[in-house]
Amino acid sequence: MSITYYDFKNLSKESQYELVSAKGVVISETYKEKLKFVLYKVSSFSVEIVYNVTNGKIEGLNVFHNNGACDKYCD
C-alpha cells in the first residue's frame, strides 16, 4: 500500500481510521490509565490511535512524519 502523508491527512477522519485498521502495521502499544496508545506504520509515516479501553471508543488520532528512526525498526 502506498499513500503519502499529505494524501492521508486529506482523508476524512473516518477514512483515516479505516485505512489504518485495514492496512497499518502495529509498531507498539502502550497503556496509560484508561487509554491505549497504538502506533502503526502506514506507508512512509506513522499513525497513533488513542483508544478508551473503558468504553471502546477512539479518543484521537495523530499522524507523524517518519524521520528515519522508524525506517531502521519498522520494516
PDB file of N, CA and C in Angstrom:
ATOM      1  N   MET A   1       0.843  -1.180   0.000  1.00  0.00           N
ATOM      2  CA  MET A   1       0.000   0.000   0.000  1.00  0.00           C
ATOM      3  C   MET A   1       0.885   1.239   0.000  1.00  0.00           C
ATOM      4  N   SER A   2       0.537   2.175  -0.829  1.00  0.00           N
ATOM      5  CA  SER A   2       1.326   3.395  -0.903  1.00  0.00           C
ATOM      6  C   SER A   2       0.391   4.595  -0.903  1.00  0.00           C
ATOM      7  N   ILE A   3       0.498   5.384   0.127  1.00  0.00           N
ATOM      8  CA  ILE A   3      -0.235   6.637   0.233  1.00  0.00           C
ATOM      9  C   ILE A   3       0.711   7.634   0.878  1.00  0.00           C
ATOM     10  N   THR A   4       0.674   8.849   0.431  1.00  0.00           N
ATOM     11  CA  THR A   4       1.573   9.851   1.005  1.00  0.00           C
ATOM     12  C   THR A   4       0.991  10.393   2.303  1.00  0.00           C
ATOM     13  N   TYR A   5       1.869  10.971   3.091  1.00  0.00           N
ATOM     14  CA  TYR A   5       1.484  11.633   4.338  1.00  0.00           C
ATOM     15  C   TYR A   5       0.393  12.669   4.068  1.00  0.00           C
ATOM     16  N   TYR A   6       0.588  13.481   3.048  1.00  0.00           N
ATOM     17  CA  TYR A   6      -0.354  14.568   2.752  1.00  0.00           C
ATOM     18  C   TYR A   6      -1.685  14.042   2.232  1.00  0.00           C
ATOM     19  N   ASP A   7      -1.655  12.993   1.401  1.00  0.00           N
ATOM     20  CA  ASP A   7      -2.914  12.402   0.935  1.00  0.00           C
ATOM     21  C   ASP A   7      -3.691  11.812   2.109  1.00  0.00           C
ATOM     22  N   PHE A   8      -2.964  11.175   3.030  1.00  0.00           N
ATOM     23  CA  PHE A   8      -3.608  10.610   4.218  1.00  0.00           C
ATOM     24  C   PHE A   8      -4.251  11.718   5.050  1.00  0.00           C
ATOM     25  N   LYS A   9      -3.513  12.812   5.267  1.00  0.00           N
ATOM     26  CA  LYS A   9      -4.033  13.933   6.070  1.00  0.00           C
ATOM     27  C   LYS A   9      -5.282  14.539   5.439  1.00  0.00           C
ATOM     28  N   ASN A  10      -5.423  14.436   4.114  1.00  0.00           N
ATOM     29  CA  ASN A  10      -6.581  15.000   3.429  1.00  0.00           C
ATOM     30  C   ASN A  10      -7.802  14.090   3.456  1.00  0.00           C
ATOM     31  N   LEU A  11      -7.649  12.859   3.930  1.00  0.00           N
ATOM     32  CA  LEU A  11      -8.798  11.970   4.069  1.00  0.00           C
ATOM     33  C   LEU A  11      -9.656  12.405   5.254  1.00  0.00           C
ATOM     34  N   SER A  12     -10.915  12.017   5.256  1.00  0.00           N
ATOM     35  CA  SER A  12     -11.765  12.263   6.420  1.00  0.00           C
ATOM     36  C   SER A  12     -11.248  11.429   7.586  1.00  0.00           C
ATOM     37  N   LYS A  13     -11.565  11.809   8.801  1.00  0.00           N
ATOM     38  CA  LYS A  13     -11.131  11.058   9.988  1.00  0.00           C
ATOM     39  C   LYS A  13     -11.612   9.614   9.899  1.00  0.00           C
ATOM     40  N   GLU A  14     -12.840   9.416   9.475  1.00  0.00           N
ATOM     41  CA  GLU A  14     -13.385   8.064   9.364  1.00  0.00           C
ATOM     42  C   GLU A  14     -12.566   7.228   8.379  1.00  0.00           C
ATOM     43  N   SER A  15     -12.213   7.819   7.229  1.00  0.00           N
ATOM     44  CA  SER A  15     -11.403   7.111   6.232  1.00  0.00           C
ATOM     45  C   SER A  15      -9.995   6.835   6.762  1.00  0.00           C
ATOM     46  N   GLN A  16      -9.458   7.763   7.540  1.00  0.00           N
ATOM     47  CA  GLN A  16      -8.146   7.545   8.140  1.00  0.00           C
ATOM     48  C   GLN A  16      -8.183   6.340   9.081  1.00  0.00           C
ATOM     49  N   TYR A  17      -9.199   6.284   9.955  1.00  0.00           N
ATOM     50  CA  TYR A  17      -9.329   5.160  10.883  1.00  0.00           C
ATOM     51  C   TYR A  17      -9.461   3.841  10.130  1.00  0.00           C
ATOM     52  N   GLU A  18     -10.272   3.839   9.086  1.00  0.00           N
ATOM     53  CA  GLU A  18     -10.498   2.620   8.306  1.00  0.00           C
ATOM     54  C   GLU A  18      -9.215   2.156   7.620  1.00  0.00           C
ATOM     55  N   LEU A  19      -8.471   3.088   7.027  1.00  0.00           N
ATOM     56  CA  LEU A  19      -7.243   2.731   6.332  1.00  0.00           C
ATOM     57  C   LEU A  19      -6.208   2.174   7.301  1.00  0.00           C
ATOM     58  N   VAL A  20      -6.049   2.821   8.444  1.00  0.00           N
ATOM     59  CA  VAL A  20      -5.075   2.355   9.439  1.00  0.00           C
ATOM     60  C   VAL A  20      -5.473   0.970   9.958  1.00  0.00           C
ATOM     61  N   SER A  21      -6.745   0.773  10.235  1.00  0.00           N
ATOM     62  CA  SER A  21      -7.206  -0.528  10.737  1.00  0.00           C
ATOM     63  C   SER A  21      -6.987  -1.631   9.711  1.00  0.00           C
ATOM     64  N   ALA A  22      -7.193  -1.321   8.437  1.00  0.00           N
ATOM     65  CA  ALA A  22      -7.089  -2.328   7.389  1.00  0.00           C
ATOM     66  C   ALA A  22      -5.657  -2.579   6.937  1.00  0.00           C
ATOM     67  N   LYS A  23      -4.833  -1.532   6.850  1.00  0.00           N
ATOM     68  CA  LYS A  23      -3.518  -1.647   6.216  1.00  0.00           C
ATOM     69  C   LYS A  23      -2.334  -1.333   7.122  1.00  0.00           C
ATOM     70  N   GLY A  24      -2.581  -0.743   8.294  1.00  0.00           N
ATOM     71  CA  GLY A  24      -1.481  -0.367   9.171  1.00  0.00           C
ATOM     72  C   GLY A  24      -0.841  -1.566   9.852  1.00  0.00           C
ATOM     73  N   VAL A  25       0.441  -1.443  10.151  1.00  0.00           N
ATOM     74  CA  VAL A  25       1.191  -2.474  10.862  1.00  0.00           C
ATOM     75  C   VAL A  25       1.497  -1.939  12.260  1.00  0.00           C
ATOM     76  N   VAL A  26       1.099  -2.679  13.287  1.00  0.00           N
ATOM     77  CA  VAL A  26       1.309  -2.231  14.668  1.00  0.00           C
ATOM     78  C   VAL A  26       2.800  -2.238  14.985  1.00  0.00           C
ATOM     79  N   ILE A  27       3.276  -1.083  15.463  1.00  0.00           N
ATOM     80  CA  ILE A  27       4.668  -0.932  15.875  1.00  0.00           C
ATOM     81  C   ILE A  27       4.777  -1.119  17.381  1.00  0.00           C
ATOM     82  N   SER A  28       3.853  -0.478  18.119  1.00  0.00           N
ATOM     83  CA  SER A  28       3.884  -0.596  19.577  1.00  0.00           C
ATOM     84  C   SER A  28       2.520  -0.268  20.165  1.00  0.00           C
ATOM     85  N   GLU A  29       2.323  -0.750  21.392  1.00  0.00           N
ATOM     86  CA  GLU A  29       1.114  -0.450  22.167  1.00  0.00           C
ATOM     87  C   GLU A  29       1.539  -0.048  23.570  1.00  0.00           C
ATOM     88  N   THR A  30       0.897   0.990  24.081  1.00  0.00           N
ATOM     89  CA  THR A  30       1.178   1.465  25.424  1.00  0.00           C
ATOM     90  C   THR A  30      -0.142   1.778  26.114  1.00  0.00           C
ATOM     91  N   TYR A  31      -0.224   1.474  27.400  1.00  0.00           N
ATOM     92  CA  TYR A  31      -1.422   1.781  28.178  1.00  0.00           C
ATOM     93  C   TYR A  31      -1.093   2.829  29.222  1.00  0.00           C
ATOM     94  N   LYS A  32      -2.016   3.755  29.419  1.00  0.00           N
ATOM     95  CA  LYS A  32      -1.889   4.752  30.482  1.00  0.00           C
ATOM     96  C   LYS A  32      -3.284   4.992  31.025  1.00  0.00           C
ATOM     97  N   GLU A  33      -3.509   4.514  32.234  1.00  0.00           N
ATOM     98  CA  GLU A  33      -4.812   4.582  32.885  1.00  0.00           C
ATOM     99  C   GLU A  33      -5.870   3.962  31.980  1.00  0.00           C
ATOM    100  N   LYS A  34      -6.852   4.716  31.535  1.00  0.00           N
ATOM    101  CA  LYS A  34      -7.952   4.181  30.735  1.00  0.00           C
ATOM    102  C   LYS A  34      -7.705   4.275  29.235  1.00  0.00           C
ATOM    103  N   LEU A  35      -6.499   4.670  28.839  1.00  0.00           N
ATOM    104  CA  LEU A  35      -6.211   4.868  27.428  1.00  0.00           C
ATOM    105  C   LEU A  35      -5.196   3.855  26.910  1.00  0.00           C
ATOM    106  N   LYS A  36      -5.383   3.461  25.669  1.00  0.00           N
ATOM    107  CA  LYS A  36      -4.458   2.576  24.972  1.00  0.00           C
ATOM    108  C   LYS A  36      -3.948   3.334  23.753  1.00  0.00           C
ATOM    109  N   PHE A  37      -2.629   3.478  23.649  1.00  0.00           N
ATOM    110  CA  PHE A  37      -1.986   4.181  22.552  1.00  0.00           C
ATOM    111  C   PHE A  37      -1.373   3.134  21.623  1.00  0.00           C
ATOM    112  N   VAL A  38      -1.828   3.095  20.385  1.00  0.00           N
ATOM    113  CA  VAL A  38      -1.317   2.117  19.428  1.00  0.00           C
ATOM    114  C   VAL A  38      -0.662   2.878  18.283  1.00  0.00           C
ATOM    115  N   LEU A  39       0.610   2.573  18.039  1.00  0.00           N
ATOM    116  CA  LEU A  39       1.364   3.214  16.973  1.00  0.00           C
ATOM    117  C   LEU A  39       1.441   2.258  15.793  1.00  0.00           C
ATOM    118  N   TYR A  40       1.045   2.755  14.617  1.00  0.00           N
ATOM    119  CA  TYR A  40       1.017   1.964  13.397  1.00  0.00           C
ATOM    120  C   TYR A  40       1.982   2.554  12.374  1.00  0.00           C
ATOM    121  N   LYS A  41       2.570   1.681  11.561  1.00  0.00           N
ATOM    122  CA  LYS A  41       3.308   2.124  10.386  1.00  0.00           C
ATOM    123  C   LYS A  41       2.335   2.054   9.218  1.00  0.00           C
ATOM    124  N   VAL A  42       2.230   3.159   8.502  1.00  0.00           N
ATOM    125  CA  VAL A  42       1.377   3.236   7.316  1.00  0.00           C
ATOM    126  C   VAL A  42       2.218   3.860   6.221  1.00  0.00           C
ATOM    127  N   SER A  43       2.521   3.107   5.193  1.00  0.00           N
ATOM    128  CA  SER A  43       3.331   3.602   4.092  1.00  0.00           C
ATOM    129  C   SER A  43       4.642   4.169   4.627  1.00  0.00           C
ATOM    130  N   SER A  44       4.903   5.450   4.419  1.00  0.00           N
ATOM    131  CA  SER A  44       6.164   6.054   4.858  1.00  0.00           C
ATOM    132  C   SER A  44       6.001   6.959   6.075  1.00  0.00           C
ATOM    133  N   PHE A  45       4.929   6.792   6.829  1.00  0.00           N
ATOM    134  CA  PHE A  45       4.676   7.610   8.009  1.00  0.00           C
ATOM    135  C   PHE A  45       4.053   6.746   9.097  1.00  0.00           C
ATOM    136  N   SER A  46       3.878   7.322  10.280  1.00  0.00           N
ATOM    137  CA  SER A  46       3.301   6.606  11.416  1.00  0.00           C
ATOM    138  C   SER A  46       2.012   7.280  11.859  1.00  0.00           C
ATOM    139  N   VAL A  47       1.111   6.458  12.391  1.00  0.00           N
ATOM    140  CA  VAL A  47      -0.161   6.962  12.895  1.00  0.00           C
ATOM    141  C   VAL A  47      -0.376   6.379  14.286  1.00  0.00           C
ATOM    142  N   GLU A  48      -0.718   7.248  15.225  1.00  0.00           N
ATOM    143  CA  GLU A  48      -1.050   6.825  16.576  1.00  0.00           C
ATOM    144  C   GLU A  48      -2.554   6.978  16.762  1.00  0.00           C
ATOM    145  N   ILE A  49      -3.187   5.906  17.189  1.00  0.00           N
ATOM    146  CA  ILE A  49      -4.609   5.971  17.523  1.00  0.00           C
ATOM    147  C   ILE A  49      -4.735   5.748  19.023  1.00  0.00           C
ATOM    148  N   VAL A  50      -5.520   6.617  19.667  1.00  0.00           N
ATOM    149  CA  VAL A  50      -5.731   6.545  21.102  1.00  0.00           C
ATOM    150  C   VAL A  50      -7.132   5.980  21.337  1.00  0.00           C
ATOM    151  N   TYR A  51      -7.177   4.843  22.036  1.00  0.00           N
ATOM    152  CA  TYR A  51      -8.443   4.176  22.337  1.00  0.00           C
ATOM    153  C   TYR A  51      -8.773   4.328  23.813  1.00  0.00           C
ATOM    154  N   ASN A  52     -10.040   4.515  24.119  1.00  0.00           N
ATOM    155  CA  ASN A  52     -10.523   4.487  25.502  1.00  0.00           C
ATOM    156  C   ASN A  52     -10.903   3.047  25.787  1.00  0.00           C
ATOM    157  N   VAL A  53     -10.158   2.381  26.674  1.00  0.00           N
ATOM    158  CA  VAL A  53     -10.409   0.964  26.929  1.00  0.00           C
ATOM    159  C   VAL A  53     -11.676   0.736  27.753  1.00  0.00           C
ATOM    160  N   THR A  54     -12.159   1.764  28.431  1.00  0.00           N
ATOM    161  CA  THR A  54     -13.371   1.631  29.225  1.00  0.00           C
ATOM    162  C   THR A  54     -14.612   1.534  28.350  1.00  0.00           C
ATOM    163  N   ASN A  55     -14.715   2.416  27.361  1.00  0.00           N
ATOM    164  CA  ASN A  55     -15.922   2.419  26.526  1.00  0.00           C
ATOM    165  C   ASN A  55     -15.680   1.908  25.106  1.00  0.00           C
ATOM    166  N   GLY A  56     -14.425   1.557  24.782  1.00  0.00           N
ATOM    167  CA  GLY A  56     -14.100   1.007  23.468  1.00  0.00           C
ATOM    168  C   GLY A  56     -14.119   2.003  22.321  1.00  0.00           C
ATOM    169  N   LYS A  57     -14.147   3.289  22.632  1.00  0.00           N
ATOM    170  CA  LYS A  57     -14.197   4.316  21.589  1.00  0.00           C
ATOM    171  C   LYS A  57     -12.815   4.881  21.301  1.00  0.00           C
ATOM    172  N   ILE A  58     -12.683   5.432  20.098  1.00  0.00           N
ATOM    173  CA  ILE A  58     -11.448   6.108  19.701  1.00  0.00           C
ATOM    174  C   ILE A  58     -11.475   7.528  20.253  1.00  0.00           C
ATOM    175  N   GLU A  59     -10.390   7.891  20.925  1.00  0.00           N
ATOM    176  CA  GLU A  59     -10.285   9.222  21.525  1.00  0.00           C
ATOM    177  C   GLU A  59      -9.530  10.208  20.645  1.00  0.00           C
ATOM    178  N   GLY A  60      -8.640   9.701  19.783  1.00  0.00           N
ATOM    179  CA  GLY A  60      -7.873  10.615  18.957  1.00  0.00           C
ATOM    180  C   GLY A  60      -6.973   9.891  17.977  1.00  0.00           C
ATOM    181  N   LEU A  61      -6.440  10.665  17.050  1.00  0.00           N
ATOM    182  CA  LEU A  61      -5.537  10.149  16.026  1.00  0.00           C
ATOM    183  C   LEU A  61      -4.476  11.200  15.767  1.00  0.00           C
ATOM    184  N   ASN A  62      -3.209  10.771  15.749  1.00  0.00           N
ATOM    185  CA  ASN A  62      -2.084  11.647  15.462  1.00  0.00           C
ATOM    186  C   ASN A  62      -1.270  11.042  14.335  1.00  0.00           C
ATOM    187  N   VAL A  63      -0.805  11.883  13.418  1.00  0.00           N
ATOM    188  CA  VAL A  63      -0.024  11.423  12.270  1.00  0.00           C
ATOM    189  C   VAL A  63       1.367  12.037  12.372  1.00  0.00           C
ATOM    190  N   PHE A  64       2.397  11.203  12.145  1.00  0.00           N
ATOM    191  CA  PHE A  64       3.781  11.641  12.282  1.00  0.00           C
ATOM    192  C   PHE A  64       4.573  11.332  11.019  1.00  0.00           C
ATOM    193  N   HIS A  65       5.351  12.314  10.561  1.00  0.00           N
ATOM    194  CA  HIS A  65       6.344  12.053   9.512  1.00  0.00           C
ATOM    195  C   HIS A  65       7.396  11.145  10.126  1.00  0.00           C
ATOM    196  N   ASN A  66       7.863  10.165   9.397  1.00  0.00           N
ATOM    197  CA  ASN A  66       8.989   9.367   9.880  1.00  0.00           C
ATOM    198  C   ASN A  66      10.259  10.095   9.498  1.00  0.00           C
ATOM    199  N   ASN A  67      11.154  10.230  10.466  1.00  0.00           N
ATOM    200  CA  ASN A  67      12.386  10.986  10.223  1.00  0.00           C
ATOM    201  C   ASN A  67      13.593  10.083  10.060  1.00  0.00           C
ATOM    202  N   GLY A  68      13.374   8.838   9.692  1.00  0.00           N
ATOM    203  CA  GLY A  68      14.489   7.913   9.508  1.00  0.00           C
ATOM    204  C   GLY A  68      14.647   6.942  10.666  1.00  0.00           C
ATOM    205  N   ALA A  69      14.255   7.333  11.867  1.00  0.00           N
ATOM    206  CA  ALA A  69      14.388   6.452  13.021  1.00  0.00           C
ATOM    207  C   ALA A  69      13.517   5.213  12.856  1.00  0.00           C
ATOM    208  N   CYS A  70      12.318   5.394  12.356  1.00  0.00           N
ATOM    209  CA  CYS A  70      11.417   4.269  12.203  1.00  0.00           C
ATOM    210  C   CYS A  70      11.870   3.344  11.079  1.00  0.00           C
ATOM    211  N   ASP A  71      12.526   3.866  10.079  1.00  0.00           N
ATOM    212  CA  ASP A  71      12.967   3.043   8.958  1.00  0.00           C
ATOM    213  C   ASP A  71      13.848   1.882   9.444  1.00  0.00           C
ATOM    214  N   LYS A  72      14.634   2.101  10.480  1.00  0.00           N
ATOM    215  CA  LYS A  72      15.518   1.068  10.990  1.00  0.00           C
ATOM    216  C   LYS A  72      14.743  -0.026  11.705  1.00  0.00           C
ATOM    217  N   TYR A  73      13.663   0.322  12.400  1.00  0.00           N
ATOM    218  CA  TYR A  73      12.961  -0.627  13.263  1.00  0.00           C
ATOM    219  C   TYR A  73      11.617  -1.093  12.728  1.00  0.00           C
ATOM    220  N   CYS A  74      11.102  -0.458  11.719  1.00  0.00           N
ATOM    221  CA  CYS A  74       9.716  -0.704  11.323  1.00  0.00           C
ATOM    222  C   CYS A  74       9.557  -1.537  10.061  1.00  0.00           C
ATOM    223  N   ASP A  75      10.595  -2.020   9.472  1.00  0.00           N
ATOM    224  CA  ASP A  75      10.463  -2.825   8.257  1.00  0.00           C
ATOM    225  C   ASP A  75      10.318  -4.282   8.584  1.00  0.00           C
TER     226      ASP A  75
END
